[in-house]
């Protein structure tokens, strides 16, 4: 199995996040163009969900906790 350095792992994760960001932005633009949701409405809903989730354990915390 190929051993990758921590720096390379961080770079790979950053590249994946960039791809997800582009995919997500494209989806929001498409929904906005079709009149399904506006950027402002999306941002308000996202902020509300983030606030609601504060203090709760995330899936990542459960999955990677020791």
C-alpha atoms as a PDB file:
ATOM      1  CA  UNK A   1       0.000   0.000   0.000  1.00  0.00           C
ATOM      2  CA  UNK A   2       1.324   3.439  -0.908  1.00  0.00           C
ATOM      3  CA  UNK A   3       2.270   5.569   2.069  1.00  0.00           C
ATOM      4  CA  UNK A   4       1.367   9.243   1.692  1.00  0.00           C
ATOM      5  CA  UNK A   5       2.730  12.072   3.759  1.00  0.00           C
ATOM      6  CA  UNK A   6       0.487  14.170   5.949  1.00  0.00           C
ATOM      7  CA  UNK A   7       1.075  17.134   3.637  1.00  0.00           C
ATOM      8  CA  UNK A   8      -0.108  15.088   0.625  1.00  0.00           C
ATOM      9  CA  UNK A   9      -3.165  13.886   2.538  1.00  0.00           C
ATOM     10  CA  UNK A  10      -4.051  17.473   3.417  1.00  0.00           C
ATOM     11  CA  UNK A  11      -3.613  18.504  -0.226  1.00  0.00           C
ATOM     12  CA  UNK A  12      -5.865  15.633  -1.389  1.00  0.00           C
ATOM     13  CA  UNK A  13      -8.552  16.576   1.130  1.00  0.00           C
ATOM     14  CA  UNK A  14      -8.334  20.223   0.056  1.00  0.00           C
ATOM     15  CA  UNK A  15      -8.724  19.221  -3.603  1.00  0.00           C
ATOM     16  CA  UNK A  16     -11.775  17.092  -2.763  1.00  0.00           C
ATOM     17  CA  UNK A  17     -13.298  19.985  -0.811  1.00  0.00           C
ATOM     18  CA  UNK A  18     -12.734  22.283  -3.798  1.00  0.00           C
ATOM     19  CA  UNK A  19     -14.596  19.818  -6.017  1.00  0.00           C
ATOM     20  CA  UNK A  20     -17.481  19.529  -3.545  1.00  0.00           C
ATOM     21  CA  UNK A  21     -17.608  23.333  -3.303  1.00  0.00           C
ATOM     22  CA  UNK A  22     -17.918  23.626  -7.090  1.00  0.00           C
ATOM     23  CA  UNK A  23     -20.577  20.906  -7.219  1.00  0.00           C
ATOM     24  CA  UNK A  24     -22.533  22.520  -4.407  1.00  0.00           C
ATOM     25  CA  UNK A  25     -22.317  25.994  -5.947  1.00  0.00           C
ATOM     26  CA  UNK A  26     -23.468  24.649  -9.296  1.00  0.00           C
ATOM     27  CA  UNK A  27     -26.452  22.928  -7.702  1.00  0.00           C
ATOM     28  CA  UNK A  28     -27.494  26.095  -5.848  1.00  0.00           C
ATOM     29  CA  UNK A  29     -27.133  28.155  -9.053  1.00  0.00           C
ATOM     30  CA  UNK A  30     -29.294  25.661 -10.941  1.00  0.00           C
ATOM     31  CA  UNK A  31     -31.992  25.658  -8.251  1.00  0.00           C
ATOM     32  CA  UNK A  32     -31.941  29.445  -8.179  1.00  0.00           C
ATOM     33  CA  UNK A  33     -32.207  29.652 -11.989  1.00  0.00           C
ATOM     34  CA  UNK A  34     -35.212  27.312 -11.925  1.00  0.00           C
ATOM     35  CA  UNK A  35     -36.852  29.429  -9.224  1.00  0.00           C
ATOM     36  CA  UNK A  36     -36.786  26.668  -6.612  1.00  0.00           C
ATOM     37  CA  UNK A  37     -34.755  28.591  -4.013  1.00  0.00           C
ATOM     38  CA  UNK A  38     -32.883  31.888  -3.864  1.00  0.00           C
ATOM     39  CA  UNK A  39     -29.305  32.295  -2.662  1.00  0.00           C
ATOM     40  CA  UNK A  40     -30.523  34.330   0.318  1.00  0.00           C
ATOM     41  CA  UNK A  41     -33.118  31.710   1.272  1.00  0.00           C
ATOM     42  CA  UNK A  42     -30.516  28.971   0.997  1.00  0.00           C
ATOM     43  CA  UNK A  43     -28.034  30.866   3.172  1.00  0.00           C
ATOM     44  CA  UNK A  44     -30.713  31.574   5.796  1.00  0.00           C
ATOM     45  CA  UNK A  45     -31.702  27.896   5.942  1.00  0.00           C
ATOM     46  CA  UNK A  46     -28.070  26.827   6.151  1.00  0.00           C
ATOM     47  CA  UNK A  47     -27.345  29.248   9.003  1.00  0.00           C
ATOM     48  CA  UNK A  48     -30.421  28.022  10.874  1.00  0.00           C
ATOM     49  CA  UNK A  49     -29.342  24.382  10.528  1.00  0.00           C
ATOM     50  CA  UNK A  50     -25.819  25.198  11.681  1.00  0.00           C
ATOM     51  CA  UNK A  51     -27.165  27.017  14.738  1.00  0.00           C
ATOM     52  CA  UNK A  52     -29.497  24.133  15.531  1.00  0.00           C
ATOM     53  CA  UNK A  53     -26.642  21.617  15.280  1.00  0.00           C
ATOM     54  CA  UNK A  54     -24.324  23.501  17.639  1.00  0.00           C
ATOM     55  CA  UNK A  55     -23.451  21.431  20.671  1.00  0.00           C
ATOM     56  CA  UNK A  56     -24.595  18.163  19.107  1.00  0.00           C
ATOM     57  CA  UNK A  57     -22.180  15.396  18.221  1.00  0.00           C
ATOM     58  CA  UNK A  58     -21.481  15.164  14.551  1.00  0.00           C
ATOM     59  CA  UNK A  59     -21.309  11.938  12.567  1.00  0.00           C
ATOM     60  CA  UNK A  60     -17.569  12.519  12.219  1.00  0.00           C
ATOM     61  CA  UNK A  61     -17.122  12.756  15.986  1.00  0.00           C
ATOM     62  CA  UNK A  62     -18.950   9.477  16.481  1.00  0.00           C
ATOM     63  CA  UNK A  63     -17.180   7.714  13.632  1.00  0.00           C
ATOM     64  CA  UNK A  64     -13.637   8.775  14.480  1.00  0.00           C
ATOM     65  CA  UNK A  65     -13.735   9.003  18.266  1.00  0.00           C
ATOM     66  CA  UNK A  66     -11.502   6.626  20.105  1.00  0.00           C
END
